[in-house]
Amino acid sequence: RRDIILSCCCVVIAVSLLFYFGNETKPAFEPTCADLFFSGGTIWTGTDQKAEAVSVKGNTILAVGSYEEVVKTYCPKETVAISLEGKMMTPGWIDTHVHSILSGLDLLSVQMADCDSHAMLAERVRDFVQQMEPGQWLVGSGWNQERFKGDEAGISPDRFLIDDIAPNNPVWLCRLDLHQCLANTLALEAAGVDLNNPPEVLGGLFQRDEKTGLVTGIVKDNAMAVIVKAIPTITSERYMEGLQTAMDYFVSQGVTSINQVVNDIFTDLEDGWTTFE
């Protein structure tokens, strides 16, 4: 399945390059048998030209155009015909702003992007923590208070929501934009934060309850560094597991090229960039 996806990406990227260089004429088809023949869906080339089929030989596009033209490269004994089943085939996508390892580590952690209530978020955390060793940090991201419904709409969760369900594990869960995170009491204590008198941080904030003055567990922007410093260093093996998980996910979604926007995550890795490449 993965080979098919990769082949699809190679096909449509080649199509885009073909028309990028201004070739307005239809390619001349050589009498070569294709390995793969795609049809039965919408094929977007990135230009005004319409296409009904695409054929591929190895990692090279043989033909793109009308069914009648491209089928000339179809050889019953050598070509695998793949129906798009009405779906769209596009060029491989290029994401120009990616935190690849962090994305992969998030995929390996608790999934919160679809949580629409505090209770649902708490349930996800409880289920995940049950698989962890006592003392192990739960680190992840993806929740969004704007997805919460009813009276909870727009209201961020607090540490009391997760203290009881993670009594033995420090928890650090960031909002999807990474500008604020939720820490449980164990995480705050591990970072040396005074619950009654949290540190003042320029460009950041430890949110406090308006009535009690106690920190709520929501930490914003520059203040997040106070907690991050307390999180144990991630091993090189875990980094690479996150990277591989991210790459597998990118390919599954049709992303064939990325731009890694942060390089300091590789500083603790031997030959980090070489491994990444």
Protein backbone atom coordinates (compact mmCIF):
# COMPACT_ATOMS: atom_id res chain seq x y z
CA ARG A 1 0.00 0.00 0.00
CA ARG A 2 2.82 2.38 0.91
CA ASP A 3 4.58 1.60 -2.37
CA ILE A 4 1.41 2.53 -4.23
CA ILE A 5 1.12 5.81 -2.37
CA LEU A 6 4.74 6.67 -3.07
CA SER A 7 4.30 5.77 -6.73
CA CYS A 8 1.24 8.02 -6.89
CA CYS A 9 3.28 10.88 -5.48
CA CYS A 10 6.10 10.31 -7.97
CA VAL A 11 3.59 10.33 -10.81
CA VAL A 12 1.91 13.57 -9.98
CA ILE A 13 5.09 15.40 -9.04
CA ALA A 14 6.49 14.55 -12.44
CA VAL A 15 3.29 15.82 -14.02
CA SER A 16 3.67 19.16 -12.26
CA LEU A 17 7.29 19.50 -13.34
CA LEU A 18 6.35 18.68 -16.89
CA PHE A 19 3.93 21.55 -17.14
CA TYR A 20 6.02 23.89 -15.04
CA PHE A 21 8.58 24.06 -17.79
CA GLY A 22 5.95 25.20 -20.22
CA ASN A 23 5.41 22.06 -22.23
CA GLU A 24 2.01 22.74 -23.70
CA THR A 25 2.13 19.80 -26.06
CA LYS A 26 1.10 16.29 -25.16
CA PRO A 27 4.00 13.95 -24.54
CA ALA A 28 4.96 11.51 -27.21
CA PHE A 29 4.35 8.02 -25.86
CA GLU A 30 7.05 5.47 -26.30
CA PRO A 31 6.02 1.88 -26.83
CA THR A 32 6.97 1.01 -23.25
CA CYS A 33 4.88 -1.05 -20.86
CA ALA A 34 3.95 0.77 -17.68
CA ASP A 35 4.29 -0.73 -14.22
CA LEU A 36 1.24 1.12 -12.94
CA PHE A 37 -1.82 2.54 -14.69
CA PHE A 38 -4.14 4.93 -12.79
CA SER A 39 -7.62 5.91 -13.94
CA GLY A 40 -11.18 6.27 -12.73
CA GLY A 41 -10.87 9.52 -10.80
CA THR A 42 -10.06 13.21 -11.00
CA ILE A 43 -6.42 13.84 -11.86
CA TRP A 44 -5.23 17.33 -11.01
CA THR A 45 -2.05 18.30 -12.86
CA GLY A 46 -1.66 21.80 -11.49
CA THR A 47 -2.53 23.30 -14.89
CA ASP A 48 -5.63 23.76 -16.97
CA GLN A 49 -5.00 20.52 -18.81
CA LYS A 50 -7.46 17.80 -17.94
CA ALA A 51 -6.28 14.25 -17.49
CA GLU A 52 -8.14 10.97 -17.20
CA ALA A 53 -5.24 8.59 -16.68
CA VAL A 54 -1.60 8.38 -15.62
CA SER A 55 0.95 5.62 -16.18
CA VAL A 56 4.28 5.03 -14.45
CA LYS A 57 7.40 3.01 -15.17
CA GLY A 58 9.66 2.67 -12.13
CA ASN A 59 9.90 6.21 -10.75
CA THR A 60 9.24 7.86 -14.11
CA ILE A 61 5.97 9.08 -15.57
CA LEU A 62 5.24 7.60 -18.98
CA ALA A 63 2.04 9.34 -19.87
CA VAL A 64 -0.66 11.64 -18.57
CA GLY A 65 -3.72 12.70 -20.52
CA SER A 66 -6.83 11.14 -21.97
CA TYR A 67 -7.66 7.52 -21.25
CA GLU A 68 -7.31 6.65 -24.93
CA GLU A 69 -3.77 8.04 -25.07
CA VAL A 70 -2.41 6.72 -21.78
CA VAL A 71 -3.88 3.25 -22.19
CA LYS A 72 -1.37 2.71 -24.98
CA THR A 73 1.22 2.09 -22.27
CA TYR A 74 -0.93 -0.56 -20.61
CA CYS A 75 0.30 -4.12 -21.10
CA PRO A 76 -2.01 -6.77 -19.59
CA LYS A 77 0.83 -9.05 -18.48
CA GLU A 78 3.12 -6.36 -17.06
CA THR A 79 0.97 -3.45 -15.89
CA VAL A 80 -1.01 -3.21 -12.67
CA ALA A 81 -4.20 -1.23 -13.20
CA ILE A 82 -5.30 0.82 -10.18
CA SER A 83 -8.74 2.37 -9.98
CA LEU A 84 -8.90 5.70 -8.21
CA GLU A 85 -12.51 4.86 -7.34
CA GLY A 86 -13.65 8.41 -7.98
CA LYS A 87 -11.00 9.96 -5.74
CA MET A 88 -8.62 12.76 -6.66
CA MET A 89 -4.96 12.27 -7.56
CA THR A 90 -2.77 15.32 -6.96
CA PRO A 91 0.92 16.21 -6.90
CA GLY A 92 2.71 15.34 -3.68
CA TRP A 93 2.26 18.13 -1.17
CA ILE A 94 5.18 20.14 0.21
CA ASP A 95 4.85 21.39 3.79
CA THR A 96 7.22 24.32 4.30
CA HIS A 97 6.85 24.62 8.10
CA VAL A 98 7.25 21.34 9.96
CA HIS A 99 8.43 20.34 13.42
CA SER A 100 8.89 16.77 12.32
CA ILE A 101 10.16 15.07 15.46
CA LEU A 102 7.77 16.96 17.73
CA SER A 103 4.94 15.98 15.41
CA GLY A 104 5.97 12.35 15.58
CA LEU A 105 6.28 12.42 19.36
CA ASP A 106 2.78 13.89 19.55
CA LEU A 107 1.46 11.03 17.42
CA LEU A 108 3.01 8.62 19.91
CA SER A 109 1.36 10.41 22.84
CA VAL A 110 -2.25 10.91 23.95
CA GLN A 111 -4.50 12.14 21.13
CA MET A 112 -6.59 15.19 22.04
CA ALA A 113 -7.33 17.06 18.81
CA ASP A 114 -10.93 15.86 18.63
CA CYS A 115 -11.78 16.33 22.31
CA ASP A 116 -14.92 18.47 22.62
CA SER A 117 -15.25 18.54 26.43
CA HIS A 118 -13.19 18.52 29.60
CA ALA A 119 -14.54 15.05 30.40
CA MET A 120 -13.42 13.66 27.05
CA LEU A 121 -9.95 15.14 27.54
CA ALA A 122 -9.72 13.68 31.03
CA GLU A 123 -10.80 10.27 29.77
CA ARG A 124 -8.08 10.26 27.11
CA VAL A 125 -5.45 11.21 29.68
CA ARG A 126 -6.63 8.57 32.16
CA ASP A 127 -6.56 5.81 29.54
CA PHE A 128 -3.07 6.78 28.38
CA VAL A 129 -1.58 7.16 31.85
CA GLN A 130 -2.70 3.64 32.74
CA GLN A 131 -0.16 2.38 30.19
CA MET A 132 2.72 4.34 31.75
CA GLU A 133 5.17 3.66 34.55
CA PRO A 134 4.81 5.72 37.76
CA GLY A 135 6.95 8.83 37.58
CA GLN A 136 7.06 8.86 33.78
CA TRP A 137 6.16 12.21 32.24
CA LEU A 138 3.15 12.42 29.95
CA VAL A 139 3.98 15.05 27.34
CA GLY A 140 1.76 15.87 24.40
CA SER A 141 -0.21 18.54 22.56
CA GLY A 142 -3.34 19.07 20.54
CA TRP A 143 -6.20 20.15 22.79
CA ASN A 144 -8.19 23.23 21.84
CA GLN A 145 -10.67 24.88 24.19
CA GLU A 146 -12.43 26.40 21.18
CA ARG A 147 -13.66 22.90 20.31
CA PHE A 148 -15.31 22.43 23.70
CA LYS A 149 -19.09 22.64 23.71
CA GLY A 150 -21.78 24.08 25.96
CA ASP A 151 -20.71 25.84 29.15
CA GLU A 152 -17.11 24.69 28.59
CA ALA A 153 -16.78 26.41 25.22
CA GLY A 154 -13.63 28.54 25.18
CA ILE A 155 -12.63 27.52 28.72
CA SER A 156 -9.22 25.91 29.15
CA PRO A 157 -8.91 22.86 31.39
CA ASP A 158 -7.11 23.19 34.74
CA ARG A 159 -4.79 20.99 36.79
CA PHE A 160 -7.60 19.76 39.03
CA LEU A 161 -9.16 18.02 36.02
CA ILE A 162 -6.17 15.70 35.68
CA ASP A 163 -4.62 15.56 39.17
CA ASP A 164 -6.78 12.69 40.36
CA ILE A 165 -6.49 10.66 37.17
CA ALA A 166 -2.71 11.03 37.00
CA PRO A 167 -1.65 10.94 40.65
CA ASN A 168 1.74 9.35 39.94
CA ASN A 169 2.74 10.98 36.66
CA PRO A 170 3.72 14.56 35.85
CA VAL A 171 1.55 15.76 32.97
CA TRP A 172 2.38 18.49 30.43
CA LEU A 173 -0.21 18.91 27.67
CA CYS A 174 -0.01 21.85 25.28
CA ARG A 175 -2.70 23.53 23.27
CA LEU A 176 -2.52 22.85 19.55
CA ASP A 177 -0.76 26.18 18.89
CA LEU A 178 1.91 25.52 21.57
CA HIS A 179 1.35 28.96 23.15
CA GLN A 180 -0.13 27.58 26.33
CA CYS A 181 0.12 24.26 28.15
CA LEU A 182 -1.62 22.46 30.98
CA ALA A 183 0.51 21.15 33.85
CA ASN A 184 -0.80 19.00 36.66
CA THR A 185 0.32 19.60 40.22
CA LEU A 186 3.12 17.01 40.02
CA ALA A 187 4.60 18.73 36.98
CA LEU A 188 4.46 22.15 38.64
CA GLU A 189 6.11 20.81 41.79
CA ALA A 190 8.79 19.02 39.78
CA ALA A 191 9.65 22.39 38.19
CA GLY A 192 9.79 24.08 41.60
CA VAL A 193 6.77 26.30 41.00
CA ASP A 194 5.19 27.75 44.15
CA LEU A 195 1.46 27.15 43.73
CA ASN A 196 0.68 30.25 45.79
CA ASN A 197 3.33 32.52 44.37
CA PRO A 198 4.48 31.44 40.90
CA PRO A 199 7.42 33.23 39.28
CA GLU A 200 6.85 36.25 37.10
CA VAL A 201 8.22 35.68 33.62
CA LEU A 202 8.65 38.39 30.99
CA GLY A 203 6.54 37.47 27.98
CA GLY A 204 4.84 34.63 29.80
CA LEU A 205 2.30 33.84 32.49
CA PHE A 206 1.31 31.33 35.13
CA GLN A 207 -2.45 31.67 35.13
CA ARG A 208 -3.99 32.10 38.58
CA ASP A 209 -7.51 31.50 39.83
CA GLU A 210 -9.30 34.81 40.33
CA LYS A 211 -10.81 33.71 43.66
CA THR A 212 -8.06 31.67 45.33
CA GLY A 213 -4.96 33.09 43.68
CA LEU A 214 -3.62 29.56 43.16
CA VAL A 215 -2.09 28.61 39.83
CA THR A 216 -4.57 26.81 37.59
CA GLY A 217 -2.01 24.77 35.73
CA ILE A 218 -2.27 26.82 32.55
CA VAL A 219 1.16 28.16 31.60
CA LYS A 220 1.60 30.55 28.70
CA ASP A 221 4.39 31.44 26.28
CA ASN A 222 7.80 32.21 27.86
CA ALA A 223 6.73 30.85 31.23
CA MET A 224 6.49 27.39 29.66
CA ALA A 225 10.29 27.17 29.72
CA VAL A 226 10.15 26.84 33.51
CA ILE A 227 8.31 23.52 33.16
CA VAL A 228 10.14 22.32 30.06
CA LYS A 229 13.47 22.48 31.93
CA ALA A 230 12.13 19.90 34.41
CA ILE A 231 11.16 17.37 31.74
CA PRO A 232 13.71 14.55 31.41
CA THR A 233 15.88 14.62 28.30
CA ILE A 234 14.48 12.57 25.45
CA THR A 235 16.75 9.76 24.30
CA SER A 236 18.16 9.62 20.78
CA GLU A 237 16.19 6.41 20.21
CA ARG A 238 12.96 8.17 21.15
CA TYR A 239 13.82 11.08 18.85
CA MET A 240 14.31 8.70 15.96
CA GLU A 241 11.09 6.86 16.78
CA GLY A 242 9.27 10.17 16.64
CA LEU A 243 10.93 11.08 13.35
CA GLN A 244 10.02 7.77 11.72
CA THR A 245 6.44 8.04 12.99
CA ALA A 246 6.16 11.53 11.51
CA MET A 247 7.58 10.47 8.15
CA ASP A 248 5.18 7.52 7.93
CA TYR A 249 2.28 9.84 8.68
CA PHE A 250 3.38 12.47 6.14
CA VAL A 251 3.56 9.86 3.38
CA SER A 252 0.15 8.46 4.32
CA GLN A 253 -1.33 11.94 3.84
CA GLY A 254 0.38 12.62 0.49
CA VAL A 255 3.10 14.91 1.86
CA THR A 256 6.28 14.08 -0.04
CA SER A 257 8.58 16.95 0.96
CA ILE A 258 8.99 18.99 4.13
CA ASN A 259 11.01 21.93 5.41
CA GLN A 260 12.30 21.30 8.95
CA VAL A 261 12.06 24.71 10.60
CA VAL A 262 13.97 24.07 13.82
CA ASN A 263 17.45 22.57 13.98
CA ASP A 264 18.22 22.77 17.71
CA ILE A 265 16.28 19.57 18.30
CA PHE A 266 19.13 17.69 16.63
CA THR A 267 21.93 19.13 18.74
CA ASP A 268 21.86 16.24 21.23
CA LEU A 269 21.96 13.62 18.49
CA GLU A 270 25.15 12.20 17.07
CA ASP A 271 25.11 12.93 13.32
CA GLY A 272 21.60 14.29 13.86
CA TRP A 273 21.15 15.98 10.49
CA THR A 274 22.68 13.06 8.63
CA THR A 275 20.19 10.74 10.28
CA PHE A 276 17.36 13.13 9.52
CA GLU A 277 18.28 13.30 5.84
